[in-house]
Protein backbone atom coordinates (compact mmCIF):
# COMPACT_ATOMS: atom_id res chain seq x y z
CA MET A 1 -10.78 0.52 17.69
CA THR A 2 -7.95 -0.62 15.46
CA GLY A 3 -6.69 -3.66 13.70
CA MET A 4 -3.15 -2.53 13.87
CA PHE A 5 -2.00 -4.76 16.69
CA LYS A 6 -1.35 -8.07 14.86
CA THR A 7 0.45 -11.23 16.10
CA ARG A 8 2.88 -13.46 14.02
CA LEU A 9 1.47 -16.83 12.71
CA ASP A 10 3.50 -20.02 12.65
CA ALA A 11 0.98 -22.04 10.73
CA PRO A 12 -0.81 -21.85 7.35
CA VAL A 13 -3.70 -19.40 6.98
CA LEU A 14 -6.56 -19.24 4.41
CA CYS A 15 -6.39 -16.17 2.27
CA THR A 16 -9.71 -15.14 0.69
CA ARG A 17 -10.75 -12.33 -1.46
CA GLU A 18 -11.47 -10.32 1.61
CA GLY A 19 -8.09 -10.94 3.20
CA LEU A 20 -6.71 -13.54 5.79
CA VAL A 21 -8.97 -15.48 7.77
CA GLY A 22 -9.01 -14.28 11.47
CA ASP A 23 -7.71 -10.80 10.43
CA MET A 24 -10.08 -7.72 11.05
CA GLN A 25 -10.33 -3.99 10.20
CA ALA A 26 -11.95 -1.72 12.67
CA ASP A 27 -13.08 0.94 10.21
CA ARG A 28 -14.17 -0.44 6.85
CA ARG A 29 -14.62 2.93 5.34
CA TYR A 30 -10.90 3.21 4.96
CA HIS A 31 -9.42 -0.25 5.43
CA GLY A 32 -10.03 -3.87 4.02
CA GLY A 33 -12.39 -4.80 1.15
CA PRO A 34 -11.34 -6.71 -2.12
CA ASP A 35 -8.84 -4.05 -3.33
CA LYS A 36 -7.17 -3.85 -0.03
CA ALA A 37 -7.41 -7.38 1.09
CA VAL A 38 -3.77 -7.98 2.03
CA HIS A 39 -1.19 -5.53 3.28
CA LEU A 40 2.46 -6.12 2.83
CA TYR A 41 5.21 -4.27 4.51
CA PRO A 42 8.80 -4.69 3.35
CA ALA A 43 10.82 -6.25 6.32
CA ASP A 44 13.86 -4.31 5.35
CA HIS A 45 12.10 -1.02 6.42
CA TYR A 46 12.14 -2.01 9.94
CA ALA A 47 15.76 -1.09 10.49
CA ARG A 48 15.12 2.41 8.85
CA LEU A 49 12.40 3.06 11.30
CA VAL A 50 14.67 2.05 14.18
CA ALA A 51 17.41 4.25 12.78
CA ALA A 52 15.01 7.18 12.69
CA PHE A 53 13.38 6.25 16.16
CA PRO A 54 16.05 4.50 18.32
CA ALA A 55 13.47 3.92 20.99
CA LEU A 56 11.91 1.37 18.80
CA ALA A 57 14.94 -0.95 18.84
CA GLY A 58 13.73 -4.52 19.58
CA GLN A 59 10.10 -3.47 19.32
CA VAL A 60 9.67 -3.40 15.47
CA GLY A 61 8.99 -6.45 13.34
CA PRO A 62 6.35 -8.31 11.34
CA GLY A 63 2.99 -7.18 12.15
CA THR A 64 4.05 -3.98 14.02
CA LEU A 65 2.48 -1.60 11.32
CA GLY A 66 -0.64 -3.62 10.98
CA GLU A 67 0.75 -5.58 7.95
CA ASN A 68 -0.46 -9.06 7.01
CA LEU A 69 2.67 -10.10 5.18
CA SER A 70 6.39 -9.03 5.89
CA VAL A 71 8.87 -10.04 3.13
CA ALA A 72 12.47 -9.32 2.93
CA GLY A 73 14.45 -8.33 -0.18
CA VAL A 74 11.77 -6.22 -1.97
CA ASP A 75 10.54 -2.79 -1.64
CA GLU A 76 8.62 -0.08 -3.35
CA THR A 77 11.36 0.70 -6.02
CA GLN A 78 11.36 -2.85 -7.11
CA VAL A 79 7.77 -3.75 -7.58
CA CYS A 80 5.11 -2.15 -9.90
CA LEU A 81 1.44 -1.25 -9.87
CA GLY A 82 -0.56 -4.38 -11.16
CA ASP A 83 2.25 -6.89 -10.39
CA VAL A 84 0.88 -10.34 -9.75
CA PHE A 85 2.74 -12.61 -7.46
CA ALA A 86 2.31 -16.26 -6.46
CA LEU A 87 2.41 -16.93 -2.76
CA GLY A 88 1.48 -20.40 -1.48
CA GLU A 89 -1.71 -21.33 -3.24
CA CYS A 90 -2.56 -17.77 -3.97
CA ARG A 91 -2.04 -15.13 -6.60
CA LEU A 92 -1.98 -11.68 -5.31
CA GLN A 93 -2.11 -8.40 -7.39
CA ILE A 94 -0.68 -5.04 -6.25
CA THR A 95 -3.42 -2.44 -6.22
CA GLN A 96 -1.97 0.66 -4.42
CA SER A 97 0.49 2.06 -1.94
CA ARG A 98 -0.54 2.10 1.70
CA ARG A 99 -1.39 5.68 2.76
CA PRO A 100 0.00 6.04 6.42
CA CYS A 101 -2.14 7.51 9.07
CA TRP A 102 -1.96 8.60 12.73
CA LYS A 103 -2.43 5.02 13.89
CA ILE A 104 1.22 4.23 13.09
CA ASP A 105 2.22 6.71 15.85
CA HIS A 106 -0.30 5.29 18.12
CA ARG A 107 0.82 1.84 17.51
CA LEU A 108 4.59 2.52 17.84
CA GLY A 109 4.26 4.88 20.55
CA VAL A 110 6.34 7.66 18.90
CA SER A 111 5.39 10.97 17.38
CA GLY A 112 6.25 11.54 13.70
CA ALA A 113 6.50 7.94 12.58
CA SER A 114 3.62 8.14 10.30
CA ARG A 115 5.11 11.37 8.65
CA ARG A 116 8.48 9.74 8.35
CA VAL A 117 6.96 6.69 6.62
CA ALA A 118 5.21 9.00 4.12
CA ASP A 119 8.10 11.32 3.49
CA GLU A 120 10.53 8.39 2.77
CA GLY A 121 7.91 6.45 0.79
CA ILE A 122 8.39 3.29 2.92
CA THR A 123 4.60 2.69 2.93
CA GLY A 124 4.21 -0.92 1.84
CA TRP A 125 1.41 -1.79 -0.27
CA TYR A 126 -1.90 -3.62 -0.69
CA PHE A 127 -3.01 -6.60 -2.71
CA ARG A 128 -6.24 -7.98 -4.18
CA VAL A 129 -6.62 -11.70 -4.12
CA LEU A 130 -6.99 -13.25 -7.51
CA ASP A 131 -6.81 -16.84 -6.38
CA GLU A 132 -7.76 -17.79 -2.92
CA GLY A 133 -5.82 -20.47 -0.91
CA LEU A 134 -3.41 -21.22 1.98
CA ILE A 135 -0.32 -19.12 2.76
CA ALA A 136 2.34 -20.44 5.15
CA PRO A 137 5.35 -18.84 6.79
CA GLY A 138 8.29 -19.19 4.60
CA ASP A 139 6.47 -19.37 1.23
CA ASP A 140 8.52 -17.80 -1.44
CA MET A 141 6.69 -14.82 -3.21
CA MET A 142 7.35 -15.11 -6.88
CA LEU A 143 6.46 -12.50 -9.57
CA VAL A 144 4.43 -14.03 -12.52
CA GLU A 145 2.93 -11.00 -14.30
CA ARG A 146 4.01 -7.34 -14.70
CA PRO A 147 1.47 -5.32 -16.72
CA ASN A 148 2.96 -1.93 -15.89
CA PRO A 149 6.73 -2.21 -16.04
CA ASP A 150 7.19 1.68 -15.98
CA ILE A 151 5.01 2.21 -12.94
CA SER A 152 6.94 1.38 -9.78
CA LEU A 153 5.28 1.93 -6.55
CA ALA A 154 7.93 4.50 -5.83
CA ARG A 155 6.86 6.48 -8.88
CA LEU A 156 3.05 6.07 -7.97
CA TRP A 157 3.76 7.39 -4.50
CA ALA A 158 5.84 10.41 -5.75
CA VAL A 159 2.91 11.41 -8.07
CA GLU A 160 0.49 10.92 -5.31
CA THR A 161 2.37 13.23 -2.87
CA ALA A 162 3.52 15.85 -5.41
CA HIS A 163 2.10 19.22 -5.06
CA ARG A 164 1.53 19.76 -8.75
CA PRO A 165 2.18 16.58 -10.63
CA ALA A 166 1.97 16.58 -14.51
CA VAL A 167 -1.61 16.11 -15.45
CA ASP A 168 -0.84 13.59 -18.28
CA GLU A 169 0.94 11.38 -15.81
CA VAL A 170 -1.81 11.63 -13.31
CA ARG A 171 -4.43 10.85 -16.01
CA ALA A 172 -2.28 7.72 -17.21
CA LEU A 173 -1.79 6.41 -13.73
CA SER A 174 -5.65 6.66 -13.05
CA ARG A 175 -6.16 4.20 -15.98
CA ALA A 176 -3.43 1.79 -15.13
CA GLU A 177 -4.10 -1.82 -15.16
CA GLY A 178 -4.65 -3.25 -11.54
CA LEU A 179 -5.17 0.08 -9.81
CA SER A 180 -7.61 -0.04 -7.00
CA ALA A 181 -11.03 1.53 -7.81
CA GLY A 182 -10.72 4.13 -4.97
CA TRP A 183 -7.37 5.56 -6.23
CA ALA A 184 -8.37 5.30 -9.90
CA LYS A 185 -11.34 7.59 -9.09
CA LYS A 186 -9.13 9.98 -7.01
CA LEU A 187 -6.56 10.28 -9.59
CA ALA A 188 -9.02 10.81 -12.27
CA GLN A 189 -10.67 13.63 -10.28
CA ARG A 190 -7.24 15.12 -9.58
CA ALA A 191 -6.32 15.07 -13.21
CA ASP A 192 -9.62 16.92 -13.94
CA TRP A 193 -8.82 19.53 -11.30
CA LEU A 194 -5.16 20.06 -12.70
CA GLU A 195 -6.57 20.48 -16.23
CA ARG A 196 -9.10 23.10 -14.96
CA GLN A 197 -6.37 25.08 -13.25
CA ALA A 198 -4.20 24.90 -16.37
CA ASP A 199 -7.07 26.28 -18.33
CA GLY A 200 -7.56 29.13 -15.74
CA THR A 201 -11.08 27.92 -14.58
CA ASN A 202 -12.13 26.10 -11.39
CA GLY A 203 -15.55 24.98 -12.57
CA GLY A 204 -17.36 27.93 -11.04
CA SER A 205 -18.71 31.33 -12.11
CA ASN A 206 -16.18 33.62 -14.07
CA ASP A 207 -18.18 36.70 -12.65
């Protein structure tokens, strides 16, 4: 079961705090919920996927990677964690990067696509819904708040995927405004682990 296979809408759709009406997630342990209600994938990345996997030419477009929104002219280097955007009647806040999984390979029918998405940091991101309302095709997405101007999603992903990131940076990211609860907990735990390693302890017996 997967919610990866999505189709393009040509009419307005209601966006609630749980996501777009009519959308579904097959495994709610890892997908969906208020902190991951809406998934955006930058439209400019489709060409990069085709360049890496020519067999995808003519097959990649809005909805192909399970995204709810496809927007051109913006990517992970240009948006920041916690950014609030107005879209249609809604206000949406960026909560985390999307962590790619094997279902991308399954959906595209190619091996290595998920790894390429992760390695290049072309992951897209999740929103929480601050204000519910209608979203229509062609609506402009406008930035209205930026609480963390120094935390681009490219930076967040670089720390997330680093082998031994700086503990102070991990700790600061874990406390950043707007971050999803799941990533806040995970980053805080990682910062604790990194501190123990720096101190030469692992939380167990020293015998």
